[in-house]
Amino acid sequence: MYPKIPGISFEEDEKRLKVVLPVSKNWFLLIIYSILLLTGVVLFVGGIIFGFRIATSGERFAFWFTVMILIFLLVMYQLVKYIFEQWQFNVTNREIIFVNAEEMIIRRPVSILGITTTYDRSYVKPISYSEKYKALAFYYGSQPVLFAKNLPSTLTTPLANYLNDRYFPDYDDDDDE
């Protein structure tokens, strides 16, 4: 029923197919994002403490300085949020693909956290192997979406063929569109 691909497991219930893929970690990026995350959290907490001390100091410049610190904290929040997402992306050891009739979901779980991206299946194009990125890819509208990065093509090609045969039966990979 399912292809025998080492390291890749399949589960199915009445609603969807679940494919669990191993992910190789990029330790350099993981270390960089860990340092950036730690630094960002320290700066954010330090900014909150410093802003509170300035706001309650009673100095004549306290209001405008507090406004500047709040703007800084807003920018730091957005930056730390982005760094946290990238850290989660790099720290996980597996990637889970859920496919059902209406949507395709790619999840990179980290405990109860993790990045989950949902795609409407009506806009998902067939899956192919990208030699440039060494990953499986599909187009969501005109936007390429990569997953199963750094897995050898000997593992990803049978997976792409199985998913295309099952969910895109009219797809012919020899068409030059």
Protein backbone atom coordinates (compact mmCIF):
# COMPACT_ATOMS: atom_id res chain seq x y z
CA MET A 1 0.00 0.00 0.00
CA TYR A 2 2.66 2.55 1.04
CA PRO A 3 6.14 2.65 -0.48
CA LYS A 4 8.92 1.16 1.64
CA ILE A 5 11.19 4.16 2.20
CA PRO A 6 13.75 3.89 5.01
CA GLY A 7 13.28 6.52 7.73
CA ILE A 8 9.93 7.72 6.38
CA SER A 9 6.74 6.50 8.04
CA PHE A 10 3.15 6.67 6.88
CA GLU A 11 -0.06 6.69 8.93
CA GLU A 12 -3.57 7.10 7.66
CA ASP A 13 -7.00 7.51 9.17
CA GLU A 14 -10.34 8.24 7.50
CA LYS A 15 -9.55 11.97 7.25
CA ARG A 16 -5.92 12.29 6.21
CA LEU A 17 -2.54 10.82 5.38
CA LYS A 18 0.34 11.56 7.74
CA VAL A 19 3.93 11.31 6.47
CA VAL A 20 6.79 11.66 8.99
CA LEU A 21 10.15 12.62 7.48
CA PRO A 22 13.51 12.81 9.23
CA VAL A 23 15.28 16.18 9.10
CA SER A 24 19.00 16.66 9.25
CA LYS A 25 20.07 19.57 11.44
CA ASN A 26 22.27 22.39 10.28
CA TRP A 27 24.29 22.81 13.47
CA PHE A 28 25.91 26.05 12.36
CA LEU A 29 22.53 27.75 11.86
CA LEU A 30 21.16 26.22 15.06
CA ILE A 31 24.04 27.67 17.11
CA ILE A 32 23.74 31.08 15.43
CA TYR A 33 19.97 31.25 16.00
CA SER A 34 20.37 30.05 19.61
CA ILE A 35 22.84 32.86 20.32
CA LEU A 36 20.60 35.40 18.57
CA LEU A 37 17.54 34.17 20.47
CA LEU A 38 19.27 34.36 23.83
CA THR A 39 20.63 37.84 23.05
CA GLY A 40 17.24 39.05 21.83
CA VAL A 41 15.41 37.79 24.93
CA VAL A 42 17.99 39.41 27.22
CA LEU A 43 17.69 42.73 25.34
CA PHE A 44 13.89 42.55 25.42
CA VAL A 45 13.73 41.85 29.17
CA GLY A 46 16.41 44.48 29.81
CA GLY A 47 14.42 46.98 27.75
CA ILE A 48 11.28 46.30 29.80
CA ILE A 49 13.14 46.78 33.09
CA PHE A 50 14.94 49.90 31.87
CA GLY A 51 11.72 51.36 30.42
CA PHE A 52 9.89 50.83 33.71
CA ARG A 53 12.72 52.49 35.65
CA ILE A 54 12.77 55.49 33.30
CA ALA A 55 8.96 55.81 33.26
CA THR A 56 8.82 55.90 37.06
CA SER A 57 11.90 58.11 37.53
CA GLY A 58 10.03 61.43 37.50
CA GLU A 59 12.55 63.10 35.19
CA ARG A 60 11.26 65.64 32.68
CA PHE A 61 12.46 63.56 29.70
CA ALA A 62 10.89 60.35 31.01
CA PHE A 63 7.79 60.41 28.81
CA TRP A 64 9.59 60.75 25.47
CA PHE A 65 12.33 58.36 26.49
CA THR A 66 9.70 55.80 27.51
CA VAL A 67 7.99 56.21 24.13
CA MET A 68 11.33 55.55 22.40
CA ILE A 69 11.89 52.46 24.55
CA LEU A 70 8.38 51.17 23.73
CA ILE A 71 9.12 51.56 20.02
CA PHE A 72 12.41 49.73 20.56
CA LEU A 73 10.54 46.96 22.42
CA LEU A 74 8.02 46.63 19.59
CA VAL A 75 10.83 46.21 17.06
CA MET A 76 12.65 43.77 19.39
CA TYR A 77 9.46 41.74 19.84
CA GLN A 78 9.06 41.31 16.08
CA LEU A 79 12.74 40.43 15.69
CA VAL A 80 12.73 37.91 18.56
CA LYS A 81 9.53 36.35 17.19
CA TYR A 82 11.17 35.86 13.78
CA ILE A 83 14.38 34.48 15.33
CA PHE A 84 12.31 32.11 17.50
CA GLU A 85 10.53 30.75 14.41
CA GLN A 86 13.86 30.19 12.66
CA TRP A 87 15.27 28.54 15.79
CA GLN A 88 12.26 26.19 15.92
CA PHE A 89 12.71 25.39 12.23
CA ASN A 90 16.35 24.41 12.82
CA VAL A 91 16.02 22.60 16.17
CA THR A 92 13.48 19.95 15.14
CA ASN A 93 14.47 16.46 14.05
CA ARG A 94 11.40 15.60 11.98
CA GLU A 95 8.92 17.08 9.58
CA ILE A 96 5.32 15.93 9.35
CA ILE A 97 3.18 16.28 6.23
CA PHE A 98 -0.59 15.95 6.57
CA VAL A 99 -2.57 15.62 3.34
CA ASN A 100 -6.34 15.48 3.11
CA ALA A 101 -8.95 16.41 0.52
CA GLU A 102 -8.99 20.14 1.36
CA GLU A 103 -5.50 21.00 2.59
CA MET A 104 -1.85 20.11 2.84
CA ILE A 105 -0.17 20.84 6.17
CA ILE A 106 3.57 20.93 6.81
CA ARG A 107 4.55 20.81 10.48
CA ARG A 108 7.97 20.97 12.11
CA PRO A 109 7.18 20.11 15.73
CA VAL A 110 9.26 21.15 18.71
CA SER A 111 7.50 19.68 21.74
CA ILE A 112 4.14 21.50 21.87
CA LEU A 113 5.57 24.38 19.84
CA GLY A 114 6.61 24.36 16.24
CA ILE A 115 5.93 25.83 12.87
CA THR A 116 2.75 24.74 11.11
CA THR A 117 1.91 25.91 7.62
CA THR A 118 -1.39 25.09 5.92
CA TYR A 119 -1.97 25.16 2.18
CA ASP A 120 -5.29 24.94 0.34
CA ARG A 121 -5.02 21.84 -1.87
CA SER A 122 -6.83 23.49 -4.76
CA TYR A 123 -3.78 25.78 -5.21
CA VAL A 124 -1.09 23.14 -4.60
CA LYS A 125 0.73 21.95 -7.72
CA PRO A 126 2.36 18.49 -7.98
CA ILE A 127 5.48 17.69 -5.98
CA SER A 128 8.92 17.47 -7.58
CA TYR A 129 12.54 17.17 -6.46
CA SER A 130 14.55 20.39 -6.66
CA GLU A 131 18.20 19.71 -7.48
CA LYS A 132 19.10 23.31 -6.68
CA TYR A 133 17.82 23.15 -3.08
CA LYS A 134 18.17 19.38 -2.54
CA ALA A 135 14.57 19.23 -1.34
CA LEU A 136 11.09 18.30 -2.37
CA ALA A 137 9.07 21.24 -3.62
CA PHE A 138 5.62 22.15 -4.78
CA TYR A 139 4.21 25.40 -5.99
CA TYR A 140 1.45 27.03 -3.99
CA GLY A 141 0.02 29.29 -6.63
CA SER A 142 3.27 30.74 -7.94
CA GLN A 143 5.20 30.51 -4.66
CA PRO A 144 7.61 27.55 -4.30
CA VAL A 145 7.39 25.65 -0.99
CA LEU A 146 10.32 23.45 0.03
CA PHE A 147 10.22 20.53 2.45
CA ALA A 148 12.22 17.36 3.15
CA LYS A 149 15.46 19.32 2.81
CA ASN A 150 18.80 17.53 2.71
CA LEU A 151 17.27 14.09 2.29
CA PRO A 152 18.89 12.13 -0.55
CA SER A 153 16.97 11.96 -3.79
CA THR A 154 16.85 8.16 -3.43
CA LEU A 155 14.42 8.71 -0.52
CA THR A 156 12.53 11.73 -1.78
CA THR A 157 11.88 10.62 -5.36
CA PRO A 158 9.74 7.58 -4.35
CA LEU A 159 7.86 9.78 -1.86
CA ALA A 160 7.16 12.43 -4.50
CA ASN A 161 6.04 9.76 -6.97
CA TYR A 162 3.70 8.18 -4.39
CA LEU A 163 2.14 11.51 -3.34
CA ASN A 164 1.75 12.63 -6.96
CA ASP A 165 0.20 9.32 -8.00
CA ARG A 166 -2.23 9.49 -5.11
CA TYR A 167 -3.18 13.19 -4.98
CA PHE A 168 -2.37 14.40 -8.50
CA PRO A 169 -3.35 11.45 -10.72
CA ASP A 170 -3.57 13.58 -13.89
CA TYR A 171 -0.02 14.89 -13.45
CA ASP A 172 2.54 13.85 -16.09
CA ASP A 173 6.10 14.74 -15.08
CA ASP A 174 7.20 14.64 -18.73
CA ASP A 175 5.05 17.64 -19.66
CA ASP A 176 7.02 20.78 -20.49
CA GLU A 177 4.76 23.59 -19.47
